[in-house]
Amino acid sequence: MQALKIVITGSYAAGKTQLIRTISDIDTISTDYEVTLDEERQLKRETTVALDFGTIAINDQVTLYLFGTPGQERFDFMWEHLTVGCLGYVVMVDSTRPGHFAETQRLMSRFIEITDAPFIVAANKQDDEAALPVSYVRRRLGVPLEIPVLPCVATDRPSVKGVLLGLLKHIATQNQMNQEQSA
């Protein structure tokens, strides 16, 4: 069996832990602790301080190992450790909270510095009537057209599956382009 490492990242409360819990074939491993900052407590009670982990079998030969990062910059030392050996990553963004887009932009810039793995953006909470359209999320985050920005509902298994398949397709496309450029 081949295990492929995928990282799920994003700013605080973007839906990383929920995405992994929704799709994982195993009970997820989480390092969630009670939130200590008042402004963060307004969004949720617990936060990831090291990682989340889950798996999903693609077929009999391939399993994705999903590693979720902490969202707060004070835990960014974990980002480098979690990206080692990753095939690609998903940047989660809460499309109902445009006030957090600048934080997501900083996170994306940091990830581009620490890994050259392909990535996509998942615009979460697209089932919420307050969600901004995917095209607006792309524009506000400054995501280039060659990087997919996909709609996501982290609580919906088919939606999460679509995001992960979108990442795998993007990785395959990037690998093919790299091979053609090398030839």
N, C-alpha and C. Protein backbone atom coordinates (compact mmCIF):
# COMPACT_ATOMS: atom_id res chain seq x y z
N MET A 1 0.84 -1.18 0.00
CA MET A 1 0.00 0.00 0.00
C MET A 1 0.89 1.25 0.00
N GLN A 2 0.47 2.24 -0.75
CA GLN A 2 1.20 3.51 -0.81
C GLN A 2 0.45 4.56 0.01
N ALA A 3 1.18 5.24 0.89
CA ALA A 3 0.60 6.31 1.70
C ALA A 3 1.08 7.64 1.16
N LEU A 4 0.14 8.54 0.87
CA LEU A 4 0.46 9.86 0.35
C LEU A 4 0.09 10.91 1.39
N LYS A 5 1.03 11.79 1.69
CA LYS A 5 0.83 12.80 2.73
C LYS A 5 0.24 14.07 2.12
N ILE A 6 -0.89 14.49 2.66
CA ILE A 6 -1.57 15.72 2.27
C ILE A 6 -1.70 16.59 3.52
N VAL A 7 -1.43 17.88 3.39
CA VAL A 7 -1.56 18.81 4.50
C VAL A 7 -2.79 19.68 4.29
N ILE A 8 -3.54 19.88 5.35
CA ILE A 8 -4.71 20.76 5.34
C ILE A 8 -4.35 21.94 6.24
N THR A 9 -4.31 23.14 5.66
CA THR A 9 -3.93 24.32 6.43
C THR A 9 -4.94 25.44 6.21
N GLY A 10 -4.77 26.50 6.93
CA GLY A 10 -5.67 27.65 6.83
C GLY A 10 -5.63 28.43 8.12
N SER A 11 -6.24 29.58 8.10
CA SER A 11 -6.24 30.43 9.28
C SER A 11 -7.14 29.83 10.37
N TYR A 12 -7.13 30.46 11.50
CA TYR A 12 -7.92 30.03 12.66
C TYR A 12 -9.39 29.88 12.29
N ALA A 13 -9.99 28.75 12.66
CA ALA A 13 -11.42 28.48 12.49
C ALA A 13 -11.87 28.43 11.03
N ALA A 14 -10.97 28.06 10.12
CA ALA A 14 -11.33 27.97 8.71
C ALA A 14 -12.04 26.66 8.37
N GLY A 15 -11.91 25.63 9.22
CA GLY A 15 -12.60 24.37 8.98
C GLY A 15 -11.67 23.18 8.75
N LYS A 16 -10.42 23.31 9.09
CA LYS A 16 -9.42 22.26 8.86
C LYS A 16 -9.75 20.97 9.62
N THR A 17 -9.96 21.09 10.91
CA THR A 17 -10.27 19.92 11.74
C THR A 17 -11.56 19.27 11.27
N GLN A 18 -12.57 20.07 10.97
CA GLN A 18 -13.85 19.53 10.53
C GLN A 18 -13.69 18.78 9.21
N LEU A 19 -12.93 19.31 8.27
CA LEU A 19 -12.72 18.65 6.99
C LEU A 19 -12.14 17.26 7.21
N ILE A 20 -11.11 17.17 8.05
CA ILE A 20 -10.48 15.87 8.30
C ILE A 20 -11.45 14.93 9.00
N ARG A 21 -12.19 15.41 9.97
CA ARG A 21 -13.17 14.56 10.69
C ARG A 21 -14.25 14.05 9.75
N THR A 22 -14.66 14.89 8.81
CA THR A 22 -15.73 14.52 7.89
C THR A 22 -15.33 13.39 6.96
N ILE A 23 -14.09 13.37 6.51
CA ILE A 23 -13.67 12.43 5.46
C ILE A 23 -12.90 11.23 5.98
N SER A 24 -12.32 11.30 7.17
CA SER A 24 -11.40 10.27 7.64
C SER A 24 -12.08 8.91 7.82
N ASP A 25 -11.35 7.87 7.40
CA ASP A 25 -11.80 6.49 7.59
C ASP A 25 -11.54 6.00 9.02
N ILE A 26 -10.72 6.71 9.75
CA ILE A 26 -10.39 6.34 11.13
C ILE A 26 -10.87 7.44 12.07
N ASP A 27 -10.95 7.14 13.36
CA ASP A 27 -11.18 8.20 14.32
C ASP A 27 -9.97 9.12 14.26
N THR A 28 -10.21 10.40 14.10
CA THR A 28 -9.10 11.32 13.93
C THR A 28 -8.32 11.50 15.23
N ILE A 29 -7.06 11.79 15.05
CA ILE A 29 -6.20 12.14 16.18
C ILE A 29 -6.13 13.66 16.18
N SER A 30 -6.47 14.27 17.29
CA SER A 30 -6.48 15.73 17.38
C SER A 30 -5.72 16.19 18.62
N THR A 31 -5.14 17.36 18.49
CA THR A 31 -4.48 17.99 19.64
C THR A 31 -5.21 19.30 19.93
N ASP A 32 -6.49 19.17 20.21
CA ASP A 32 -7.33 20.34 20.47
C ASP A 32 -7.33 20.66 21.96
N TYR A 33 -7.18 21.93 22.25
CA TYR A 33 -7.22 22.42 23.63
C TYR A 33 -8.15 23.62 23.71
N GLU A 34 -8.60 23.91 24.91
CA GLU A 34 -9.51 25.03 25.12
C GLU A 34 -8.87 26.34 24.69
N VAL A 35 -9.63 27.15 24.01
CA VAL A 35 -9.17 28.45 23.53
C VAL A 35 -8.95 29.37 24.74
N THR A 36 -7.85 30.12 24.70
CA THR A 36 -7.53 31.00 25.83
C THR A 36 -7.75 32.47 25.53
N LEU A 37 -7.73 32.85 24.25
CA LEU A 37 -7.91 34.26 23.90
C LEU A 37 -9.39 34.58 23.68
N ASP A 38 -9.85 35.69 24.25
CA ASP A 38 -11.27 36.06 24.17
C ASP A 38 -11.76 36.21 22.74
N GLU A 39 -10.97 36.87 21.87
CA GLU A 39 -11.41 37.09 20.49
C GLU A 39 -11.53 35.76 19.72
N GLU A 40 -10.72 34.77 20.08
CA GLU A 40 -10.82 33.45 19.44
C GLU A 40 -11.98 32.66 20.01
N ARG A 41 -12.27 32.83 21.28
CA ARG A 41 -13.35 32.11 21.94
C ARG A 41 -14.71 32.46 21.34
N GLN A 42 -14.80 33.63 20.72
CA GLN A 42 -16.06 34.02 20.08
C GLN A 42 -16.39 33.13 18.88
N LEU A 43 -15.35 32.51 18.28
CA LEU A 43 -15.56 31.67 17.11
C LEU A 43 -15.72 30.19 17.44
N LYS A 44 -14.97 29.71 18.46
CA LYS A 44 -15.06 28.30 18.84
C LYS A 44 -14.44 28.07 20.20
N ARG A 45 -14.74 26.92 20.81
CA ARG A 45 -14.27 26.61 22.16
C ARG A 45 -12.88 26.00 22.20
N GLU A 46 -12.54 25.19 21.19
CA GLU A 46 -11.25 24.50 21.18
C GLU A 46 -10.48 24.84 19.91
N THR A 47 -9.15 24.69 20.00
CA THR A 47 -8.29 24.96 18.85
C THR A 47 -7.18 23.91 18.77
N THR A 48 -6.71 23.67 17.55
CA THR A 48 -5.62 22.73 17.32
C THR A 48 -4.31 23.41 17.67
N VAL A 49 -3.49 22.74 18.47
CA VAL A 49 -2.21 23.33 18.87
C VAL A 49 -1.00 22.61 18.25
N ALA A 50 -1.19 21.44 17.69
CA ALA A 50 -0.07 20.74 17.05
C ALA A 50 -0.48 20.19 15.69
N LEU A 51 -1.48 19.29 15.68
CA LEU A 51 -1.92 18.72 14.42
C LEU A 51 -3.22 17.96 14.60
N ASP A 52 -3.85 17.70 13.46
CA ASP A 52 -4.95 16.75 13.36
C ASP A 52 -4.47 15.68 12.39
N PHE A 53 -4.95 14.46 12.54
CA PHE A 53 -4.54 13.40 11.63
C PHE A 53 -5.71 12.48 11.34
N GLY A 54 -5.85 12.16 10.06
CA GLY A 54 -6.86 11.20 9.62
C GLY A 54 -6.38 10.54 8.35
N THR A 55 -7.08 9.51 7.92
CA THR A 55 -6.73 8.82 6.68
C THR A 55 -7.98 8.59 5.85
N ILE A 56 -7.76 8.45 4.55
CA ILE A 56 -8.84 8.03 3.66
C ILE A 56 -8.23 7.18 2.56
N ALA A 57 -8.80 5.99 2.37
CA ALA A 57 -8.35 5.08 1.32
C ALA A 57 -8.93 5.54 -0.01
N ILE A 58 -8.05 5.76 -0.97
CA ILE A 58 -8.49 6.11 -2.33
C ILE A 58 -8.89 4.83 -3.06
N ASN A 59 -8.09 3.78 -2.88
CA ASN A 59 -8.38 2.45 -3.42
C ASN A 59 -7.57 1.45 -2.60
N ASP A 60 -7.47 0.20 -3.08
CA ASP A 60 -6.75 -0.83 -2.31
C ASP A 60 -5.25 -0.54 -2.21
N GLN A 61 -4.73 0.27 -3.13
CA GLN A 61 -3.29 0.52 -3.16
C GLN A 61 -2.88 1.88 -2.58
N VAL A 62 -3.78 2.84 -2.51
CA VAL A 62 -3.40 4.21 -2.13
C VAL A 62 -4.27 4.72 -0.99
N THR A 63 -3.60 5.24 0.04
CA THR A 63 -4.28 5.89 1.17
C THR A 63 -3.70 7.29 1.34
N LEU A 64 -4.58 8.25 1.54
CA LEU A 64 -4.13 9.60 1.86
C LEU A 64 -4.00 9.73 3.36
N TYR A 65 -2.86 10.24 3.81
CA TYR A 65 -2.66 10.61 5.20
C TYR A 65 -2.88 12.12 5.28
N LEU A 66 -3.88 12.53 6.03
CA LEU A 66 -4.26 13.93 6.12
C LEU A 66 -3.73 14.53 7.42
N PHE A 67 -2.90 15.55 7.29
CA PHE A 67 -2.33 16.24 8.44
C PHE A 67 -2.87 17.66 8.47
N GLY A 68 -3.61 18.00 9.51
CA GLY A 68 -4.13 19.35 9.68
C GLY A 68 -3.19 20.17 10.54
N THR A 69 -2.95 21.41 10.12
CA THR A 69 -2.04 22.29 10.85
C THR A 69 -2.83 23.15 11.85
N PRO A 70 -2.14 23.68 12.85
CA PRO A 70 -2.77 24.72 13.67
C PRO A 70 -2.92 25.98 12.81
N GLY A 71 -3.94 26.77 13.10
CA GLY A 71 -4.18 27.96 12.30
C GLY A 71 -3.51 29.22 12.80
N GLN A 72 -3.26 29.31 14.10
CA GLN A 72 -2.69 30.53 14.64
C GLN A 72 -1.19 30.61 14.34
N GLU A 73 -0.74 31.82 14.04
CA GLU A 73 0.67 32.04 13.72
C GLU A 73 1.58 31.69 14.89
N ARG A 74 1.08 31.73 16.12
CA ARG A 74 1.94 31.40 17.26
C ARG A 74 2.33 29.92 17.28
N PHE A 75 1.64 29.11 16.49
CA PHE A 75 1.98 27.69 16.37
C PHE A 75 2.62 27.38 15.02
N ASP A 76 3.12 28.40 14.32
CA ASP A 76 3.63 28.20 12.97
C ASP A 76 4.88 27.33 12.89
N PHE A 77 5.54 27.11 14.02
CA PHE A 77 6.70 26.22 14.02
C PHE A 77 6.30 24.81 13.57
N MET A 78 5.04 24.44 13.75
CA MET A 78 4.56 23.12 13.33
C MET A 78 4.39 23.02 11.81
N TRP A 79 4.18 24.15 11.14
CA TRP A 79 3.92 24.14 9.71
C TRP A 79 5.06 23.48 8.94
N GLU A 80 6.29 23.87 9.26
CA GLU A 80 7.44 23.30 8.55
C GLU A 80 7.55 21.80 8.80
N HIS A 81 7.34 21.36 10.02
CA HIS A 81 7.42 19.93 10.34
C HIS A 81 6.35 19.15 9.58
N LEU A 82 5.15 19.68 9.52
CA LEU A 82 4.05 18.96 8.90
C LEU A 82 4.15 18.91 7.38
N THR A 83 4.85 19.87 6.76
CA THR A 83 4.94 19.87 5.29
C THR A 83 6.04 18.97 4.76
N VAL A 84 6.95 18.51 5.62
CA VAL A 84 8.03 17.64 5.16
C VAL A 84 7.44 16.39 4.50
N GLY A 85 7.79 16.17 3.24
CA GLY A 85 7.33 14.99 2.52
C GLY A 85 5.90 15.04 2.02
N CYS A 86 5.26 16.20 2.08
CA CYS A 86 3.87 16.24 1.62
C CYS A 86 3.81 16.29 0.09
N LEU A 87 2.80 15.64 -0.45
CA LEU A 87 2.57 15.61 -1.89
C LEU A 87 1.92 16.91 -2.36
N GLY A 88 1.11 17.50 -1.49
CA GLY A 88 0.40 18.73 -1.79
C GLY A 88 -0.36 19.19 -0.57
N TYR A 89 -1.01 20.36 -0.69
CA TYR A 89 -1.76 20.86 0.45
C TYR A 89 -2.98 21.66 0.02
N VAL A 90 -3.92 21.73 0.96
CA VAL A 90 -5.15 22.49 0.78
C VAL A 90 -5.11 23.67 1.73
N VAL A 91 -5.36 24.87 1.22
CA VAL A 91 -5.50 26.06 2.05
C VAL A 91 -7.00 26.29 2.24
N MET A 92 -7.46 26.12 3.47
CA MET A 92 -8.87 26.36 3.79
C MET A 92 -9.07 27.84 4.10
N VAL A 93 -10.17 28.39 3.61
CA VAL A 93 -10.54 29.76 3.94
C VAL A 93 -12.04 29.79 4.23
N ASP A 94 -12.41 30.46 5.30
CA ASP A 94 -13.82 30.63 5.66
C ASP A 94 -14.37 31.74 4.78
N SER A 95 -15.18 31.38 3.81
CA SER A 95 -15.67 32.36 2.84
C SER A 95 -16.77 33.26 3.41
N THR A 96 -17.11 33.09 4.70
CA THR A 96 -18.07 34.00 5.34
C THR A 96 -17.36 35.07 6.18
N ARG A 97 -16.02 35.00 6.28
CA ARG A 97 -15.27 35.93 7.12
C ARG A 97 -14.17 36.65 6.34
N PRO A 98 -14.54 37.59 5.49
CA PRO A 98 -13.52 38.29 4.69
C PRO A 98 -12.51 39.06 5.54
N GLY A 99 -12.85 39.37 6.78
CA GLY A 99 -11.91 40.04 7.66
C GLY A 99 -10.68 39.20 7.97
N HIS A 100 -10.76 37.89 7.69
CA HIS A 100 -9.65 36.98 7.95
C HIS A 100 -8.85 36.65 6.69
N PHE A 101 -9.21 37.26 5.55
CA PHE A 101 -8.52 36.97 4.30
C PHE A 101 -7.05 37.40 4.35
N ALA A 102 -6.74 38.51 5.00
CA ALA A 102 -5.34 38.96 5.08
C ALA A 102 -4.50 37.92 5.83
N GLU A 103 -5.07 37.35 6.87
CA GLU A 103 -4.38 36.29 7.62
C GLU A 103 -4.13 35.08 6.72
N THR A 104 -5.11 34.73 5.89
CA THR A 104 -4.95 33.62 4.95
C THR A 104 -3.87 33.93 3.92
N GLN A 105 -3.82 35.17 3.46
CA GLN A 105 -2.77 35.57 2.51
C GLN A 105 -1.38 35.41 3.13
N ARG A 106 -1.23 35.82 4.38
CA ARG A 106 0.07 35.66 5.06
C ARG A 106 0.44 34.19 5.19
N LEU A 107 -0.54 33.37 5.54
CA LEU A 107 -0.31 31.94 5.67
C LEU A 107 0.10 31.34 4.32
N MET A 108 -0.59 31.70 3.25
CA MET A 108 -0.24 31.17 1.92
C MET A 108 1.18 31.58 1.55
N SER A 109 1.55 32.81 1.81
CA SER A 109 2.91 33.27 1.51
C SER A 109 3.94 32.46 2.29
N ARG A 110 3.65 32.20 3.53
CA ARG A 110 4.57 31.43 4.36
C ARG A 110 4.72 30.00 3.85
N PHE A 111 3.61 29.38 3.46
CA PHE A 111 3.66 28.02 2.95
C PHE A 111 4.42 27.94 1.63
N ILE A 112 4.28 28.94 0.79
CA ILE A 112 5.02 28.96 -0.47
C ILE A 112 6.52 29.04 -0.19
N GLU A 113 6.90 29.69 0.91
CA GLU A 113 8.32 29.75 1.31
C GLU A 113 8.83 28.41 1.82
N ILE A 114 8.01 27.65 2.53
CA ILE A 114 8.51 26.45 3.19
C ILE A 114 8.34 25.16 2.39
N THR A 115 7.50 25.17 1.35
CA THR A 115 7.35 23.98 0.51
C THR A 115 7.02 24.38 -0.92
N ASP A 116 7.53 23.59 -1.86
CA ASP A 116 7.18 23.83 -3.26
C ASP A 116 6.10 22.87 -3.74
N ALA A 117 5.44 22.19 -2.80
CA ALA A 117 4.35 21.26 -3.14
C ALA A 117 3.18 22.05 -3.74
N PRO A 118 2.48 21.44 -4.70
CA PRO A 118 1.30 22.09 -5.27
C PRO A 118 0.20 22.26 -4.22
N PHE A 119 -0.63 23.27 -4.41
CA PHE A 119 -1.73 23.49 -3.48
C PHE A 119 -2.95 24.00 -4.21
N ILE A 120 -4.08 23.86 -3.54
CA ILE A 120 -5.33 24.45 -3.98
C ILE A 120 -5.92 25.21 -2.80
N VAL A 121 -6.95 26.01 -3.08
CA VAL A 121 -7.67 26.75 -2.04
C VAL A 121 -9.09 26.20 -1.97
N ALA A 122 -9.57 25.95 -0.76
CA ALA A 122 -10.95 25.49 -0.55
C ALA A 122 -11.73 26.60 0.14
N ALA A 123 -12.71 27.17 -0.56
CA ALA A 123 -13.56 28.23 -0.01
C ALA A 123 -14.67 27.57 0.80
N ASN A 124 -14.47 27.48 2.11
CA ASN A 124 -15.36 26.75 2.99
C ASN A 124 -16.64 27.53 3.30
N LYS A 125 -17.62 26.79 3.78
CA LYS A 125 -18.93 27.29 4.21
C LYS A 125 -19.77 27.83 3.05
N GLN A 126 -19.61 27.22 1.89
CA GLN A 126 -20.37 27.65 0.72
C GLN A 126 -21.86 27.34 0.85
N ASP A 127 -22.26 26.61 1.88
CA ASP A 127 -23.67 26.35 2.14
C ASP A 127 -24.32 27.47 2.94
N ASP A 128 -23.53 28.40 3.43
CA ASP A 128 -24.02 29.53 4.22
C ASP A 128 -24.41 30.66 3.28
N GLU A 129 -25.58 31.24 3.48
CA GLU A 129 -26.01 32.31 2.57
C GLU A 129 -25.13 33.55 2.65
N ALA A 130 -24.32 33.67 3.70
CA ALA A 130 -23.38 34.79 3.83
C ALA A 130 -22.05 34.51 3.13
N ALA A 131 -21.89 33.31 2.56
CA ALA A 131 -20.63 32.95 1.90
C ALA A 131 -20.40 33.80 0.66
N LEU A 132 -19.18 34.27 0.53
CA LEU A 132 -18.78 35.01 -0.66
C LEU A 132 -18.53 34.02 -1.80
N PRO A 133 -18.82 34.41 -3.04
CA PRO A 133 -18.60 33.50 -4.17
C PRO A 133 -17.12 33.13 -4.31
N VAL A 134 -16.88 31.95 -4.86
CA VAL A 134 -15.53 31.45 -5.05
C VAL A 134 -14.69 32.43 -5.87
N SER A 135 -15.30 33.03 -6.89
CA SER A 135 -14.55 33.98 -7.74
C SER A 135 -14.10 35.20 -6.92
N TYR A 136 -14.93 35.64 -5.99
CA TYR A 136 -14.56 36.77 -5.13
C TYR A 136 -13.44 36.38 -4.17
N VAL A 137 -13.54 35.16 -3.60
CA VAL A 137 -12.50 34.66 -2.70
C VAL A 137 -11.16 34.62 -3.45
N ARG A 138 -11.16 34.10 -4.67
CA ARG A 138 -9.94 34.05 -5.48
C ARG A 138 -9.35 35.45 -5.65
N ARG A 139 -10.19 36.38 -6.04
CA ARG A 139 -9.74 37.76 -6.30
C ARG A 139 -9.19 38.42 -5.03
N ARG A 140 -9.92 38.30 -3.93
CA ARG A 140 -9.48 38.92 -2.67
C ARG A 140 -8.19 38.32 -2.13
N LEU A 141 -7.99 37.01 -2.35
CA LEU A 141 -6.77 36.37 -1.88
C LEU A 141 -5.62 36.51 -2.87
N GLY A 142 -5.92 36.96 -4.09
CA GLY A 142 -4.89 37.10 -5.11
C GLY A 142 -4.36 35.77 -5.60
N VAL A 143 -5.24 34.77 -5.71
CA VAL A 143 -4.83 33.43 -6.14
C VAL A 143 -4.74 33.41 -7.67
N PRO A 144 -3.57 33.04 -8.22
CA PRO A 144 -3.42 32.97 -9.68
C PRO A 144 -4.41 31.97 -10.30
N LEU A 145 -4.75 32.20 -11.56
CA LEU A 145 -5.75 31.37 -12.24
C LEU A 145 -5.34 29.91 -12.36
N GLU A 146 -4.03 29.62 -12.38
CA GLU A 146 -3.60 28.22 -12.53
C GLU A 146 -3.77 27.41 -11.25
N ILE A 147 -4.09 28.07 -10.14
CA ILE A 147 -4.32 27.37 -8.88
C ILE A 147 -5.83 27.27 -8.65
N PRO A 148 -6.36 26.06 -8.54
CA PRO A 148 -7.80 25.91 -8.33
C PRO A 148 -8.26 26.50 -7.00
N VAL A 149 -9.40 27.16 -7.04
CA VAL A 149 -10.12 27.60 -5.85
C VAL A 149 -11.47 26.90 -5.93
N LEU A 150 -11.71 25.99 -5.02
CA LEU A 150 -12.89 25.14 -5.09
C LEU A 150 -13.88 25.46 -3.98
N PRO A 151 -15.18 25.34 -4.27
CA PRO A 151 -16.18 25.48 -3.21
C PRO A 151 -16.08 24.30 -2.26
N CYS A 152 -16.39 24.55 -0.99
CA CYS A 152 -16.28 23.50 0.02
C CYS A 152 -17.31 23.70 1.11
N VAL A 153 -17.79 22.58 1.62
CA VAL A 153 -18.58 22.54 2.84
C VAL A 153 -17.92 21.45 3.69
N ALA A 154 -17.14 21.85 4.67
CA ALA A 154 -16.30 20.91 5.42
C ALA A 154 -17.09 19.87 6.20
N THR A 155 -18.38 20.07 6.38
CA THR A 155 -19.22 19.10 7.09
C THR A 155 -19.88 18.10 6.15
N ASP A 156 -19.65 18.26 4.84
CA ASP A 156 -20.31 17.44 3.82
C ASP A 156 -19.28 16.54 3.13
N ARG A 157 -19.40 15.23 3.35
CA ARG A 157 -18.41 14.29 2.82
C ARG A 157 -18.21 14.40 1.30
N PRO A 158 -19.26 14.44 0.48
CA PRO A 158 -19.03 14.58 -0.96
C PRO A 158 -18.28 15.87 -1.32
N SER A 159 -18.55 16.94 -0.62
CA SER A 159 -17.85 18.19 -0.87
C SER A 159 -16.37 18.06 -0.54
N VAL A 160 -16.07 17.47 0.61
CA VAL A 160 -14.67 17.27 1.03
C VAL A 160 -13.96 16.34 0.06
N LYS A 161 -14.64 15.29 -0.36
CA LYS A 161 -14.07 14.37 -1.35
C LYS A 161 -13.73 15.12 -2.63
N GLY A 162 -14.61 16.01 -3.06
CA GLY A 162 -14.36 16.82 -4.26
C GLY A 162 -13.12 17.69 -4.12
N VAL A 163 -12.92 18.25 -2.94
CA VAL A 163 -11.72 19.08 -2.70
C VAL A 163 -10.47 18.22 -2.79
N LEU A 164 -10.46 17.07 -2.13
CA LEU A 164 -9.28 16.21 -2.16
C LEU A 164 -9.00 15.68 -3.56
N LEU A 165 -10.05 15.30 -4.29
CA LEU A 165 -9.85 14.87 -5.68
C LEU A 165 -9.35 16.02 -6.54
N GLY A 166 -9.84 17.24 -6.26
CA GLY A 166 -9.35 18.42 -6.98
C GLY A 166 -7.87 18.65 -6.74
N LEU A 167 -7.43 18.43 -5.49
CA LEU A 167 -6.00 18.57 -5.19
C LEU A 167 -5.20 17.51 -5.94
N LEU A 168 -5.65 16.26 -5.91
CA LEU A 168 -4.92 15.19 -6.60
C LEU A 168 -4.84 15.44 -8.10
N LYS A 169 -5.91 15.94 -8.68
CA LYS A 169 -5.90 16.29 -10.11
C LYS A 169 -4.90 17.41 -10.37
N HIS A 170 -4.89 18.42 -9.52
CA HIS A 170 -3.95 19.54 -9.67
C HIS A 170 -2.50 19.04 -9.55
N ILE A 171 -2.24 18.16 -8.60
CA ILE A 171 -0.90 17.59 -8.43
C ILE A 171 -0.48 16.85 -9.69
N ALA A 172 -1.39 16.03 -10.23
CA ALA A 172 -1.08 15.27 -11.45
C ALA A 172 -0.78 16.21 -12.61
N THR A 173 -1.56 17.27 -12.75
CA THR A 173 -1.34 18.26 -13.81
C THR A 173 0.01 18.93 -13.65
N GLN A 174 0.35 19.31 -12.42
CA GLN A 174 1.64 19.96 -12.16
C GLN A 174 2.80 19.02 -12.47
N ASN A 175 2.66 17.75 -12.08
CA ASN A 175 3.71 16.77 -12.35
C ASN A 175 3.90 16.57 -13.85
N GLN A 176 2.79 16.51 -14.60
CA GLN A 176 2.86 16.36 -16.06
C GLN A 176 3.55 17.57 -16.69
N MET A 177 3.20 18.77 -16.24
CA MET A 177 3.82 19.98 -16.78
C MET A 177 5.31 20.00 -16.48
N ASN A 178 5.70 19.59 -15.27
CA ASN A 178 7.13 19.55 -14.91
C ASN A 178 7.89 18.54 -15.77
N GLN A 179 7.28 17.39 -16.07
CA GLN A 179 7.92 16.39 -16.90
C GLN A 179 8.10 16.90 -18.34
N GLU A 180 7.08 17.59 -18.85
CA GLU A 180 7.16 18.13 -20.20
C GLU A 180 8.23 19.21 -20.31
N GLN A 181 8.37 20.01 -19.26
CA GLN A 181 9.40 21.06 -19.26
C GLN A 181 10.80 20.47 -19.15
N SER A 182 10.92 19.32 -18.49
CA SER A 182 12.22 18.66 -18.34
C SER A 182 12.67 17.95 -19.61
N ALA A 183 11.70 17.59 -20.46
CA ALA A 183 12.01 16.81 -21.68
C ALA A 183 12.64 17.64 -22.77
